[in-house]
């Protein structure tokens, strides 16, 4: 089975003063302008609007890669409507972009970076996805003919003095317009530092986190099915 990326979200929680959106957008684009080659969007958001609302959106021309910048988060988002790539193929670009964004936020805008997260959604195709999940996780006879099936598991791990949540969700739902079984399995793998503790990440420790998180997901996602 192939585990292909439907979408990915690398979320960086930041604290900084946003006084000039144009200056911030220009600074972020400079080291990654070959990647975010679409038209940047500066949204006319009032200063007193909720801090999580994006003020700046950078995009690639094909629309697959996007960077949302708010007063509270910087989010790198990859979306592919028809998945074709494995996570391993995206890791190098992911780490490069995140490193360059972090350098700008730390050096030019004196940002504090206190929480990190990586959410990946994989699409797996199988002729009998519900039966596959039942055989892997459910006691025989416990559930006979489910039309949809979801499995959620959340635990915590200590990663080199970082406490992280590891949360994965496996789901199959019937297609909306047919009675047949959907042949797609959705696997969401979410690794994030715990919200109860604020860390102080620099460029090196941030890149190290995403390198480790993405490598962990690559190594472990295929063990789920």
N, C-alpha and C. Protein backbone atom coordinates (compact mmCIF):
# COMPACT_ATOMS: atom_id res chain seq x y z
N UNK A 1 0.83 -1.20 0.00
CA UNK A 1 0.00 0.00 0.00
C UNK A 1 0.87 1.25 0.00
N UNK A 2 0.41 2.28 -0.71
CA UNK A 2 1.11 3.54 -0.74
C UNK A 2 0.45 4.52 0.23
N UNK A 3 1.29 5.24 0.98
CA UNK A 3 0.82 6.23 1.94
C UNK A 3 1.13 7.61 1.36
N UNK A 4 0.14 8.24 0.75
CA UNK A 4 0.33 9.50 0.04
C UNK A 4 -0.22 10.67 0.84
N UNK A 5 0.45 11.82 0.74
CA UNK A 5 0.07 13.00 1.51
C UNK A 5 -1.10 13.73 0.85
N UNK A 6 -2.22 13.84 1.58
CA UNK A 6 -3.33 14.66 1.13
C UNK A 6 -3.15 16.10 1.56
N UNK A 7 -2.74 16.29 2.81
CA UNK A 7 -2.40 17.63 3.28
C UNK A 7 -1.48 17.55 4.49
N UNK A 8 -0.78 18.64 4.71
CA UNK A 8 0.21 18.74 5.79
C UNK A 8 0.13 20.14 6.37
N UNK A 9 0.26 20.24 7.70
CA UNK A 9 0.23 21.54 8.36
C UNK A 9 1.32 21.57 9.43
N UNK A 10 2.31 22.43 9.22
CA UNK A 10 3.33 22.67 10.24
C UNK A 10 3.00 24.00 10.91
N UNK A 11 2.65 23.93 12.19
CA UNK A 11 2.17 25.11 12.90
C UNK A 11 3.21 25.57 13.93
N UNK A 12 3.56 26.86 13.86
CA UNK A 12 4.53 27.46 14.77
C UNK A 12 3.80 28.52 15.60
N UNK A 13 3.77 28.35 16.90
CA UNK A 13 3.16 29.34 17.79
C UNK A 13 4.19 30.41 18.13
N UNK A 14 3.84 31.67 17.86
CA UNK A 14 4.80 32.76 18.01
C UNK A 14 4.22 33.88 18.85
N UNK A 15 5.12 34.67 19.41
CA UNK A 15 4.74 35.90 20.10
C UNK A 15 5.66 37.01 19.59
N UNK A 16 5.07 38.03 18.97
CA UNK A 16 5.86 39.14 18.42
C UNK A 16 4.93 40.32 18.18
N UNK A 17 5.49 41.44 17.85
CA UNK A 17 4.70 42.63 17.57
C UNK A 17 4.62 42.81 16.05
N UNK A 18 3.41 42.79 15.52
CA UNK A 18 3.19 42.98 14.09
C UNK A 18 2.77 44.42 13.84
N UNK A 19 3.72 45.23 13.41
CA UNK A 19 3.42 46.65 13.18
C UNK A 19 3.34 47.00 11.70
N UNK A 20 4.02 46.21 10.86
CA UNK A 20 4.06 46.51 9.43
C UNK A 20 3.92 45.21 8.65
N UNK A 21 2.73 44.93 8.15
CA UNK A 21 2.48 43.69 7.42
C UNK A 21 3.30 43.60 6.14
N UNK A 22 3.45 44.72 5.45
CA UNK A 22 4.21 44.71 4.21
C UNK A 22 5.67 44.36 4.44
N UNK A 23 6.25 44.93 5.50
CA UNK A 23 7.64 44.63 5.83
C UNK A 23 7.81 43.15 6.18
N UNK A 24 6.87 42.62 6.96
CA UNK A 24 6.95 41.21 7.34
C UNK A 24 6.81 40.30 6.12
N UNK A 25 5.84 40.59 5.26
CA UNK A 25 5.64 39.77 4.06
C UNK A 25 6.88 39.81 3.17
N UNK A 26 7.44 40.98 2.96
CA UNK A 26 8.63 41.11 2.13
C UNK A 26 9.82 40.36 2.72
N UNK A 27 9.97 40.44 4.04
CA UNK A 27 11.07 39.76 4.71
C UNK A 27 10.94 38.24 4.62
N UNK A 28 9.71 37.75 4.77
CA UNK A 28 9.49 36.30 4.70
C UNK A 28 9.69 35.78 3.28
N UNK A 29 9.30 36.58 2.29
CA UNK A 29 9.41 36.14 0.90
C UNK A 29 10.85 36.10 0.40
N UNK A 30 11.69 36.97 0.91
CA UNK A 30 13.03 37.11 0.35
C UNK A 30 13.80 35.78 0.26
N UNK A 31 13.87 34.98 1.33
CA UNK A 31 14.65 33.74 1.22
C UNK A 31 13.91 32.58 0.55
N UNK A 32 12.60 32.72 0.33
CA UNK A 32 11.82 31.60 -0.23
C UNK A 32 10.97 32.04 -1.43
N UNK A 33 11.40 33.11 -2.13
CA UNK A 33 10.56 33.66 -3.20
C UNK A 33 10.41 32.71 -4.37
N UNK A 34 11.33 31.78 -4.54
CA UNK A 34 11.18 30.80 -5.60
C UNK A 34 10.14 29.74 -5.28
N UNK A 35 9.76 29.63 -4.02
CA UNK A 35 8.77 28.64 -3.58
C UNK A 35 7.39 29.28 -3.49
N UNK A 36 7.30 30.41 -2.78
CA UNK A 36 6.04 31.15 -2.69
C UNK A 36 6.02 32.18 -3.83
N UNK A 37 5.76 31.67 -5.04
CA UNK A 37 5.86 32.51 -6.23
C UNK A 37 4.49 33.02 -6.70
N UNK A 38 3.47 32.83 -5.89
CA UNK A 38 2.16 33.41 -6.19
C UNK A 38 2.08 34.83 -5.66
N UNK A 39 0.94 35.46 -5.87
CA UNK A 39 0.75 36.84 -5.40
C UNK A 39 0.50 36.84 -3.90
N UNK A 40 1.34 37.53 -3.10
CA UNK A 40 1.09 37.58 -1.66
C UNK A 40 -0.19 38.36 -1.34
N UNK A 41 -0.85 37.96 -0.28
CA UNK A 41 -2.11 38.59 0.12
C UNK A 41 -1.93 39.21 1.50
N UNK A 42 -2.18 40.50 1.61
CA UNK A 42 -2.18 41.22 2.89
C UNK A 42 -3.62 41.56 3.23
N UNK A 43 -4.17 40.91 4.20
CA UNK A 43 -5.59 41.06 4.51
C UNK A 43 -5.83 42.29 5.39
N UNK A 44 -6.88 43.05 5.12
CA UNK A 44 -7.18 44.25 5.91
C UNK A 44 -7.91 43.90 7.21
N UNK A 45 -7.18 43.27 8.10
CA UNK A 45 -7.76 42.81 9.36
C UNK A 45 -7.56 43.89 10.43
N UNK A 46 -8.60 44.28 11.17
CA UNK A 46 -8.42 45.26 12.25
C UNK A 46 -7.45 44.75 13.32
N UNK A 47 -6.75 45.67 13.95
CA UNK A 47 -5.77 45.29 14.97
C UNK A 47 -6.40 44.52 16.13
N UNK A 48 -7.68 44.81 16.43
CA UNK A 48 -8.31 44.16 17.57
C UNK A 48 -9.02 42.85 17.19
N UNK A 49 -8.85 42.39 15.95
CA UNK A 49 -9.43 41.10 15.54
C UNK A 49 -8.70 39.97 16.26
N UNK A 50 -9.33 38.81 16.42
CA UNK A 50 -8.67 37.69 17.11
C UNK A 50 -7.28 37.41 16.53
N UNK A 51 -6.31 37.16 17.40
CA UNK A 51 -4.91 37.04 16.94
C UNK A 51 -4.65 35.85 16.03
N UNK A 52 -5.52 34.83 16.06
CA UNK A 52 -5.28 33.64 15.24
C UNK A 52 -5.71 33.83 13.78
N UNK A 53 -6.39 34.93 13.46
CA UNK A 53 -6.82 35.18 12.08
C UNK A 53 -5.61 35.59 11.24
N UNK A 54 -5.37 34.94 10.09
CA UNK A 54 -4.21 35.31 9.26
C UNK A 54 -4.27 36.76 8.79
N UNK A 55 -3.12 37.42 8.84
CA UNK A 55 -2.97 38.77 8.31
C UNK A 55 -2.26 38.74 6.96
N UNK A 56 -1.43 37.72 6.76
CA UNK A 56 -0.64 37.59 5.53
C UNK A 56 -0.79 36.16 5.02
N UNK A 57 -0.95 36.01 3.70
CA UNK A 57 -1.01 34.68 3.10
C UNK A 57 -0.04 34.66 1.91
N UNK A 58 0.93 33.77 1.97
CA UNK A 58 1.86 33.56 0.87
C UNK A 58 1.51 32.23 0.21
N UNK A 59 1.57 32.17 -1.12
CA UNK A 59 1.18 30.95 -1.82
C UNK A 59 2.13 30.64 -2.97
N UNK A 60 2.15 29.37 -3.35
CA UNK A 60 2.81 28.99 -4.60
C UNK A 60 1.81 29.16 -5.74
N UNK A 61 2.31 29.28 -6.96
CA UNK A 61 1.42 29.51 -8.10
C UNK A 61 0.46 28.35 -8.32
N UNK A 62 0.90 27.12 -8.02
CA UNK A 62 0.01 25.97 -8.23
C UNK A 62 -0.98 25.78 -7.09
N UNK A 63 -0.88 26.61 -6.04
CA UNK A 63 -1.83 26.55 -4.93
C UNK A 63 -1.60 25.41 -3.96
N UNK A 64 -0.56 24.61 -4.14
CA UNK A 64 -0.34 23.46 -3.26
C UNK A 64 0.32 23.86 -1.94
N UNK A 65 1.08 24.93 -1.96
CA UNK A 65 1.83 25.34 -0.76
C UNK A 65 1.38 26.73 -0.35
N UNK A 66 1.15 26.88 0.95
CA UNK A 66 0.65 28.16 1.48
C UNK A 66 1.28 28.42 2.85
N UNK A 67 1.51 29.69 3.14
CA UNK A 67 1.98 30.10 4.46
C UNK A 67 1.04 31.16 5.00
N UNK A 68 0.36 30.83 6.09
CA UNK A 68 -0.53 31.78 6.77
C UNK A 68 0.21 32.40 7.95
N UNK A 69 0.17 33.72 8.04
CA UNK A 69 0.85 34.41 9.14
C UNK A 69 -0.18 35.23 9.90
N UNK A 70 -0.34 34.93 11.18
CA UNK A 70 -1.21 35.72 12.05
C UNK A 70 -0.36 36.28 13.18
N UNK A 71 -1.00 36.92 14.13
CA UNK A 71 -0.26 37.43 15.30
C UNK A 71 0.14 36.31 16.25
N UNK A 72 -0.45 35.13 16.08
CA UNK A 72 -0.24 34.03 17.01
C UNK A 72 0.43 32.81 16.38
N UNK A 73 0.24 32.64 15.08
CA UNK A 73 0.76 31.45 14.41
C UNK A 73 1.43 31.80 13.08
N UNK A 74 2.40 30.97 12.73
CA UNK A 74 2.87 30.87 11.35
C UNK A 74 2.62 29.44 10.93
N UNK A 75 1.83 29.25 9.88
CA UNK A 75 1.45 27.91 9.45
C UNK A 75 1.90 27.66 8.03
N UNK A 76 2.66 26.59 7.85
CA UNK A 76 3.04 26.14 6.52
C UNK A 76 2.11 24.99 6.14
N UNK A 77 1.38 25.15 5.04
CA UNK A 77 0.33 24.21 4.67
C UNK A 77 0.59 23.67 3.26
N UNK A 78 0.52 22.36 3.13
CA UNK A 78 0.64 21.71 1.81
C UNK A 78 -0.66 20.94 1.57
N UNK A 79 -1.28 21.16 0.41
CA UNK A 79 -2.54 20.50 0.07
C UNK A 79 -2.45 19.99 -1.36
N UNK A 80 -2.84 18.73 -1.56
CA UNK A 80 -2.90 18.17 -2.90
C UNK A 80 -4.23 17.42 -3.04
N UNK A 81 -5.08 17.89 -3.93
CA UNK A 81 -6.41 17.30 -4.09
C UNK A 81 -6.33 15.85 -4.55
N UNK A 82 -5.40 15.56 -5.44
CA UNK A 82 -5.16 14.19 -5.89
C UNK A 82 -3.77 13.80 -5.44
N UNK A 83 -3.65 13.13 -4.30
CA UNK A 83 -2.33 12.88 -3.71
C UNK A 83 -1.41 12.07 -4.63
N UNK A 84 -0.16 12.54 -4.72
CA UNK A 84 0.84 11.84 -5.53
C UNK A 84 2.17 11.66 -4.82
N UNK A 85 2.38 12.37 -3.72
CA UNK A 85 3.69 12.37 -3.07
C UNK A 85 3.65 11.71 -1.70
N UNK A 86 4.74 11.05 -1.36
CA UNK A 86 4.95 10.52 -0.01
C UNK A 86 5.59 11.61 0.84
N UNK A 87 5.46 11.50 2.15
CA UNK A 87 6.03 12.51 3.05
C UNK A 87 7.54 12.63 2.86
N UNK A 88 8.21 11.52 2.62
CA UNK A 88 9.65 11.54 2.46
C UNK A 88 10.08 12.48 1.33
N UNK A 89 9.24 12.60 0.29
CA UNK A 89 9.57 13.46 -0.84
C UNK A 89 9.45 14.94 -0.49
N UNK A 90 8.72 15.28 0.56
CA UNK A 90 8.47 16.67 0.92
C UNK A 90 9.36 17.16 2.06
N UNK A 91 10.05 16.24 2.72
CA UNK A 91 10.75 16.61 3.96
C UNK A 91 11.82 17.66 3.74
N UNK A 92 12.64 17.53 2.71
CA UNK A 92 13.74 18.47 2.49
C UNK A 92 13.22 19.89 2.28
N UNK A 93 12.20 20.03 1.43
CA UNK A 93 11.63 21.36 1.19
C UNK A 93 10.96 21.90 2.45
N UNK A 94 10.25 21.04 3.17
CA UNK A 94 9.59 21.44 4.41
C UNK A 94 10.60 22.03 5.40
N UNK A 95 11.70 21.34 5.63
CA UNK A 95 12.69 21.80 6.61
C UNK A 95 13.38 23.08 6.14
N UNK A 96 13.64 23.19 4.84
CA UNK A 96 14.28 24.40 4.31
C UNK A 96 13.40 25.62 4.51
N UNK A 97 12.12 25.50 4.16
CA UNK A 97 11.21 26.64 4.28
C UNK A 97 11.01 27.02 5.74
N UNK A 98 10.80 26.03 6.60
CA UNK A 98 10.60 26.33 8.02
C UNK A 98 11.83 26.99 8.63
N UNK A 99 13.01 26.53 8.25
CA UNK A 99 14.25 27.14 8.76
C UNK A 99 14.38 28.59 8.32
N UNK A 100 14.09 28.87 7.05
CA UNK A 100 14.21 30.24 6.55
C UNK A 100 13.17 31.16 7.19
N UNK A 101 11.94 30.68 7.35
CA UNK A 101 10.91 31.49 8.00
C UNK A 101 11.30 31.81 9.44
N UNK A 102 11.82 30.82 10.14
CA UNK A 102 12.20 31.01 11.54
C UNK A 102 13.34 32.00 11.68
N UNK A 103 14.33 31.94 10.77
CA UNK A 103 15.43 32.90 10.81
C UNK A 103 14.91 34.34 10.73
N UNK A 104 13.96 34.57 9.83
CA UNK A 104 13.39 35.90 9.68
C UNK A 104 12.63 36.32 10.93
N UNK A 105 11.78 35.43 11.44
CA UNK A 105 10.97 35.76 12.61
C UNK A 105 11.83 36.04 13.84
N UNK A 106 12.91 35.29 13.99
CA UNK A 106 13.77 35.47 15.17
C UNK A 106 14.69 36.70 15.02
N UNK A 107 15.34 36.83 13.86
CA UNK A 107 16.38 37.85 13.72
C UNK A 107 15.81 39.24 13.45
N UNK A 108 14.75 39.33 12.65
CA UNK A 108 14.24 40.66 12.27
C UNK A 108 13.05 41.12 13.11
N UNK A 109 12.32 40.16 13.70
CA UNK A 109 11.11 40.54 14.44
C UNK A 109 11.12 40.08 15.89
N UNK A 110 12.28 39.58 16.31
CA UNK A 110 12.50 39.22 17.72
C UNK A 110 11.37 38.36 18.28
N UNK A 111 10.95 37.38 17.50
CA UNK A 111 9.82 36.55 17.88
C UNK A 111 10.22 35.50 18.93
N UNK A 112 9.30 35.25 19.82
CA UNK A 112 9.41 34.11 20.72
C UNK A 112 8.62 32.96 20.09
N UNK A 113 9.25 31.79 19.98
CA UNK A 113 8.58 30.61 19.42
C UNK A 113 8.46 29.58 20.53
N UNK A 114 7.22 29.28 20.93
CA UNK A 114 7.02 28.53 22.16
C UNK A 114 6.30 27.19 22.00
N UNK A 115 5.70 26.94 20.84
CA UNK A 115 5.02 25.65 20.65
C UNK A 115 5.06 25.28 19.18
N UNK A 116 5.23 23.97 18.89
CA UNK A 116 5.33 23.48 17.52
C UNK A 116 4.39 22.30 17.31
N UNK A 117 3.93 22.15 16.08
CA UNK A 117 3.09 21.00 15.76
C UNK A 117 3.23 20.62 14.30
N UNK A 118 3.06 19.35 14.01
CA UNK A 118 3.07 18.85 12.64
C UNK A 118 1.91 17.88 12.48
N UNK A 119 1.00 18.21 11.56
CA UNK A 119 -0.16 17.36 11.28
C UNK A 119 -0.06 16.91 9.83
N UNK A 120 -0.08 15.61 9.61
CA UNK A 120 -0.05 15.07 8.26
C UNK A 120 -1.27 14.18 8.04
N UNK A 121 -1.90 14.33 6.89
CA UNK A 121 -3.04 13.48 6.54
C UNK A 121 -2.67 12.64 5.32
N UNK A 122 -2.67 11.34 5.53
CA UNK A 122 -2.34 10.41 4.46
C UNK A 122 -3.61 9.81 3.87
N UNK A 123 -3.57 9.52 2.59
CA UNK A 123 -4.62 8.78 1.92
C UNK A 123 -4.06 7.43 1.49
N UNK A 124 -4.75 6.37 1.89
CA UNK A 124 -4.34 5.01 1.52
C UNK A 124 -5.51 4.35 0.79
N UNK A 125 -5.23 3.75 -0.36
CA UNK A 125 -6.28 3.10 -1.13
C UNK A 125 -6.25 1.59 -0.88
N UNK A 126 -7.43 1.02 -0.64
CA UNK A 126 -7.55 -0.42 -0.38
C UNK A 126 -8.93 -0.88 -0.83
N UNK A 127 -9.02 -2.11 -1.34
CA UNK A 127 -10.29 -2.61 -1.86
C UNK A 127 -11.34 -2.81 -0.77
N UNK A 128 -10.90 -3.14 0.45
CA UNK A 128 -11.84 -3.38 1.56
C UNK A 128 -11.30 -2.70 2.81
N UNK A 129 -11.37 -1.38 2.87
CA UNK A 129 -10.71 -0.65 3.96
C UNK A 129 -11.30 -0.93 5.34
N UNK A 130 -12.63 -1.04 5.44
CA UNK A 130 -13.23 -1.28 6.75
C UNK A 130 -12.83 -2.65 7.27
N UNK A 131 -12.84 -3.65 6.40
CA UNK A 131 -12.42 -4.99 6.82
C UNK A 131 -10.96 -4.99 7.26
N UNK A 132 -10.14 -4.21 6.58
CA UNK A 132 -8.72 -4.13 6.95
C UNK A 132 -8.57 -3.57 8.36
N UNK A 133 -9.29 -2.49 8.68
CA UNK A 133 -9.18 -1.88 10.01
C UNK A 133 -9.78 -2.80 11.08
N UNK A 134 -10.90 -3.45 10.75
CA UNK A 134 -11.51 -4.40 11.70
C UNK A 134 -10.54 -5.51 12.06
N UNK A 135 -9.90 -6.09 11.06
CA UNK A 135 -8.97 -7.19 11.31
C UNK A 135 -7.77 -6.74 12.13
N UNK A 136 -7.36 -5.48 11.93
CA UNK A 136 -6.15 -4.98 12.60
C UNK A 136 -6.42 -4.58 14.05
N UNK A 137 -7.64 -4.05 14.32
CA UNK A 137 -7.85 -3.42 15.62
C UNK A 137 -9.04 -3.92 16.42
N UNK A 138 -9.98 -4.61 15.84
CA UNK A 138 -11.24 -4.91 16.53
C UNK A 138 -11.40 -6.42 16.73
N UNK A 139 -11.83 -6.80 17.91
CA UNK A 139 -12.05 -8.20 18.24
C UNK A 139 -13.10 -8.81 17.29
N UNK A 140 -12.83 -10.01 16.76
CA UNK A 140 -13.78 -10.65 15.84
C UNK A 140 -15.17 -10.79 16.46
N UNK A 141 -16.19 -10.41 15.69
CA UNK A 141 -17.57 -10.51 16.15
C UNK A 141 -18.07 -9.31 16.93
N UNK A 142 -17.17 -8.39 17.31
CA UNK A 142 -17.59 -7.23 18.10
C UNK A 142 -18.44 -6.27 17.28
N UNK A 143 -18.07 -6.09 16.01
CA UNK A 143 -18.81 -5.22 15.10
C UNK A 143 -18.93 -5.97 13.77
N UNK A 144 -20.17 -6.12 13.28
CA UNK A 144 -20.36 -6.93 12.08
C UNK A 144 -20.23 -6.14 10.78
N UNK A 145 -21.12 -5.16 10.55
CA UNK A 145 -21.16 -4.49 9.26
C UNK A 145 -21.21 -2.97 9.42
N UNK A 146 -20.14 -2.36 9.92
CA UNK A 146 -20.15 -0.90 10.08
C UNK A 146 -20.10 -0.20 8.73
N UNK A 147 -20.84 0.93 8.60
CA UNK A 147 -20.78 1.72 7.37
C UNK A 147 -19.62 2.72 7.40
N UNK A 148 -19.21 3.08 8.60
CA UNK A 148 -18.03 3.92 8.74
C UNK A 148 -17.29 3.48 10.00
N UNK A 149 -16.03 3.85 10.06
CA UNK A 149 -15.22 3.39 11.18
C UNK A 149 -14.14 4.43 11.47
N UNK A 150 -13.95 4.73 12.75
CA UNK A 150 -12.90 5.67 13.15
C UNK A 150 -12.16 5.11 14.36
N UNK A 151 -10.87 5.38 14.39
CA UNK A 151 -10.04 4.98 15.52
C UNK A 151 -9.17 6.17 15.90
N UNK A 152 -9.22 6.58 17.17
CA UNK A 152 -8.40 7.69 17.67
C UNK A 152 -7.52 7.18 18.81
N UNK A 153 -6.24 7.54 18.76
CA UNK A 153 -5.31 7.17 19.84
C UNK A 153 -4.46 8.40 20.17
N UNK A 154 -4.41 8.76 21.45
CA UNK A 154 -3.61 9.89 21.91
C UNK A 154 -2.73 9.44 23.06
N UNK A 155 -1.43 9.72 22.95
CA UNK A 155 -0.55 9.49 24.09
C UNK A 155 0.53 10.56 24.12
N UNK A 156 1.40 10.48 25.11
CA UNK A 156 2.46 11.47 25.26
C UNK A 156 3.83 10.78 25.32
N UNK A 157 4.82 11.50 24.80
CA UNK A 157 6.18 10.97 24.78
C UNK A 157 7.16 12.07 25.20
N UNK A 158 8.29 11.65 25.74
CA UNK A 158 9.37 12.56 26.09
C UNK A 158 10.41 12.49 24.98
N UNK A 159 10.56 13.59 24.25
CA UNK A 159 11.51 13.66 23.14
C UNK A 159 12.65 14.59 23.52
N UNK A 160 13.72 14.04 24.04
CA UNK A 160 14.89 14.87 24.36
C UNK A 160 14.50 16.12 25.15
N UNK A 161 13.78 15.89 26.24
CA UNK A 161 13.33 16.96 27.14
C UNK A 161 12.20 17.82 26.57
N UNK A 162 11.59 17.37 25.49
CA UNK A 162 10.36 17.98 24.99
C UNK A 162 9.22 17.01 25.22
N UNK A 163 8.17 17.46 25.88
CA UNK A 163 6.99 16.61 26.03
C UNK A 163 6.08 16.86 24.83
N UNK A 164 5.75 15.78 24.13
CA UNK A 164 4.93 15.92 22.93
C UNK A 164 3.71 15.01 22.99
N UNK A 165 2.63 15.48 22.38
CA UNK A 165 1.46 14.65 22.14
C UNK A 165 1.64 13.90 20.84
N UNK A 166 1.29 12.63 20.84
CA UNK A 166 1.23 11.86 19.60
C UNK A 166 -0.21 11.40 19.43
N UNK A 167 -0.83 11.86 18.36
CA UNK A 167 -2.25 11.58 18.16
C UNK A 167 -2.43 11.09 16.73
N UNK A 168 -2.98 9.90 16.59
CA UNK A 168 -3.31 9.47 15.24
C UNK A 168 -4.76 9.03 15.15
N UNK A 169 -5.33 9.30 13.97
CA UNK A 169 -6.74 9.01 13.71
C UNK A 169 -6.85 8.29 12.37
N UNK A 170 -7.49 7.13 12.40
CA UNK A 170 -7.71 6.33 11.19
C UNK A 170 -9.21 6.31 10.94
N UNK A 171 -9.63 6.62 9.73
CA UNK A 171 -11.07 6.67 9.47
C UNK A 171 -11.40 6.24 8.05
N UNK A 172 -12.59 5.64 7.93
CA UNK A 172 -13.18 5.30 6.63
C UNK A 172 -14.65 5.69 6.71
N UNK A 173 -15.12 6.43 5.72
CA UNK A 173 -16.53 6.83 5.65
C UNK A 173 -17.07 6.52 4.26
N UNK A 174 -18.35 6.16 4.16
CA UNK A 174 -18.92 5.90 2.83
C UNK A 174 -19.00 7.17 2.01
N UNK A 175 -18.92 7.02 0.70
CA UNK A 175 -19.04 8.17 -0.18
C UNK A 175 -20.44 8.77 -0.06
N UNK A 176 -20.54 10.07 -0.20
CA UNK A 176 -21.80 10.76 0.05
C UNK A 176 -22.89 10.40 -0.97
N UNK A 177 -22.52 10.14 -2.21
CA UNK A 177 -23.52 9.97 -3.26
C UNK A 177 -23.69 8.53 -3.73
N UNK A 178 -23.06 7.58 -3.08
CA UNK A 178 -23.20 6.19 -3.48
C UNK A 178 -23.40 5.34 -2.24
N UNK A 179 -23.88 4.10 -2.46
CA UNK A 179 -24.04 3.16 -1.36
C UNK A 179 -22.81 2.28 -1.19
N UNK A 180 -21.87 2.39 -2.13
CA UNK A 180 -20.68 1.54 -2.07
C UNK A 180 -19.69 2.02 -1.04
N UNK A 181 -18.78 1.14 -0.69
CA UNK A 181 -17.78 1.46 0.31
C UNK A 181 -16.67 2.32 -0.31
N UNK A 182 -16.28 3.35 0.40
CA UNK A 182 -15.19 4.18 -0.03
C UNK A 182 -13.89 3.38 0.07
N UNK A 183 -13.05 3.46 -0.96
CA UNK A 183 -11.80 2.71 -0.95
C UNK A 183 -10.65 3.52 -0.39
N UNK A 184 -10.94 4.69 0.15
CA UNK A 184 -9.91 5.54 0.74
C UNK A 184 -9.90 5.39 2.26
N UNK A 185 -8.73 5.23 2.80
CA UNK A 185 -8.52 5.28 4.25
C UNK A 185 -7.78 6.58 4.55
N UNK A 186 -8.29 7.34 5.50
CA UNK A 186 -7.63 8.57 5.92
C UNK A 186 -6.87 8.30 7.22
N UNK A 187 -5.59 8.65 7.23
CA UNK A 187 -4.77 8.53 8.44
C UNK A 187 -4.21 9.91 8.76
N UNK A 188 -4.58 10.44 9.91
CA UNK A 188 -4.05 11.72 10.37
C UNK A 188 -3.05 11.45 11.49
N UNK A 189 -1.83 11.91 11.29
CA UNK A 189 -0.76 11.74 12.29
C UNK A 189 -0.39 13.14 12.78
N UNK A 190 -0.56 13.37 14.08
CA UNK A 190 -0.40 14.71 14.66
C UNK A 190 0.61 14.61 15.80
N UNK A 191 1.72 15.33 15.67
CA UNK A 191 2.72 15.40 16.73
C UNK A 191 2.90 16.87 17.11
N UNK A 192 2.71 17.20 18.38
CA UNK A 192 2.82 18.59 18.82
C UNK A 192 3.33 18.67 20.24
N UNK A 193 4.04 19.75 20.55
CA UNK A 193 4.48 19.96 21.92
C UNK A 193 3.26 20.30 22.78
N UNK A 194 3.29 19.87 24.02
CA UNK A 194 2.09 19.98 24.86
C UNK A 194 1.76 21.45 25.13
N UNK A 195 0.46 21.79 25.18
CA UNK A 195 0.07 23.19 25.39
C UNK A 195 0.34 23.70 26.80
N UNK A 196 0.49 22.79 27.76
CA UNK A 196 0.70 23.21 29.14
C UNK A 196 2.08 23.83 29.38
N UNK A 197 3.01 23.60 28.46
CA UNK A 197 4.37 24.10 28.66
C UNK A 197 4.81 24.93 27.46
N UNK A 198 5.36 26.10 27.73
CA UNK A 198 5.90 26.95 26.68
C UNK A 198 7.41 26.76 26.61
N UNK A 199 7.90 26.46 25.43
CA UNK A 199 9.33 26.29 25.20
C UNK A 199 9.90 27.54 24.55
N UNK A 200 11.20 27.55 24.34
CA UNK A 200 11.86 28.67 23.68
C UNK A 200 12.72 28.09 22.55
N UNK A 201 12.14 28.01 21.35
CA UNK A 201 12.82 27.40 20.23
C UNK A 201 13.64 28.43 19.45
N UNK A 202 14.86 28.03 19.07
CA UNK A 202 15.62 28.81 18.11
C UNK A 202 15.56 28.09 16.76
N UNK A 203 16.29 28.60 15.78
CA UNK A 203 16.22 28.01 14.43
C UNK A 203 16.64 26.55 14.46
N UNK A 204 17.74 26.26 15.14
CA UNK A 204 18.27 24.90 15.13
C UNK A 204 17.34 23.92 15.82
N UNK A 205 16.80 24.30 16.98
CA UNK A 205 15.93 23.37 17.71
C UNK A 205 14.59 23.21 17.01
N UNK A 206 14.12 24.26 16.32
CA UNK A 206 12.87 24.13 15.56
C UNK A 206 13.05 23.17 14.39
N UNK A 207 14.11 23.35 13.61
CA UNK A 207 14.35 22.45 12.48
C UNK A 207 14.56 21.02 12.97
N UNK A 208 15.25 20.88 14.10
CA UNK A 208 15.47 19.54 14.67
C UNK A 208 14.15 18.87 15.04
N UNK A 209 13.21 19.66 15.59
CA UNK A 209 11.90 19.09 15.94
C UNK A 209 11.17 18.59 14.71
N UNK A 210 11.10 19.41 13.67
CA UNK A 210 10.36 19.00 12.47
C UNK A 210 11.07 17.87 11.72
N UNK A 211 12.38 17.85 11.80
CA UNK A 211 13.12 16.74 11.20
C UNK A 211 12.78 15.44 11.93
N UNK A 212 12.78 15.50 13.25
CA UNK A 212 12.49 14.30 14.04
C UNK A 212 11.02 13.88 13.89
N UNK A 213 10.11 14.86 13.93
CA UNK A 213 8.68 14.55 13.83
C UNK A 213 8.34 13.94 12.48
N UNK A 214 8.83 14.56 11.40
CA UNK A 214 8.53 14.02 10.07
C UNK A 214 9.19 12.66 9.87
N UNK A 215 10.41 12.49 10.39
CA UNK A 215 11.08 11.19 10.30
C UNK A 215 10.35 10.12 11.09
N UNK A 216 9.85 10.49 12.25
CA UNK A 216 9.09 9.54 13.07
C UNK A 216 7.82 9.10 12.34
N UNK A 217 7.13 10.05 11.73
CA UNK A 217 5.91 9.71 11.01
C UNK A 217 6.21 8.80 9.83
N UNK A 218 7.25 9.13 9.07
CA UNK A 218 7.64 8.29 7.93
C UNK A 218 7.92 6.86 8.38
N UNK A 219 8.60 6.72 9.52
CA UNK A 219 9.01 5.40 10.00
C UNK A 219 7.85 4.60 10.61
N UNK A 220 6.79 5.30 11.08
CA UNK A 220 5.76 4.62 11.85
C UNK A 220 4.39 4.55 11.20
N UNK A 221 4.11 5.39 10.21
CA UNK A 221 2.76 5.42 9.67
C UNK A 221 2.37 4.08 9.04
N UNK A 222 3.31 3.38 8.42
CA UNK A 222 2.98 2.12 7.76
C UNK A 222 2.73 0.99 8.75
N UNK A 223 3.07 1.19 10.02
CA UNK A 223 2.79 0.16 11.03
C UNK A 223 1.34 0.20 11.49
N UNK A 224 0.60 1.27 11.12
CA UNK A 224 -0.77 1.43 11.62
C UNK A 224 -1.78 0.52 10.91
N UNK A 225 -1.46 0.07 9.69
CA UNK A 225 -2.38 -0.78 8.94
C UNK A 225 -1.72 -2.12 8.62
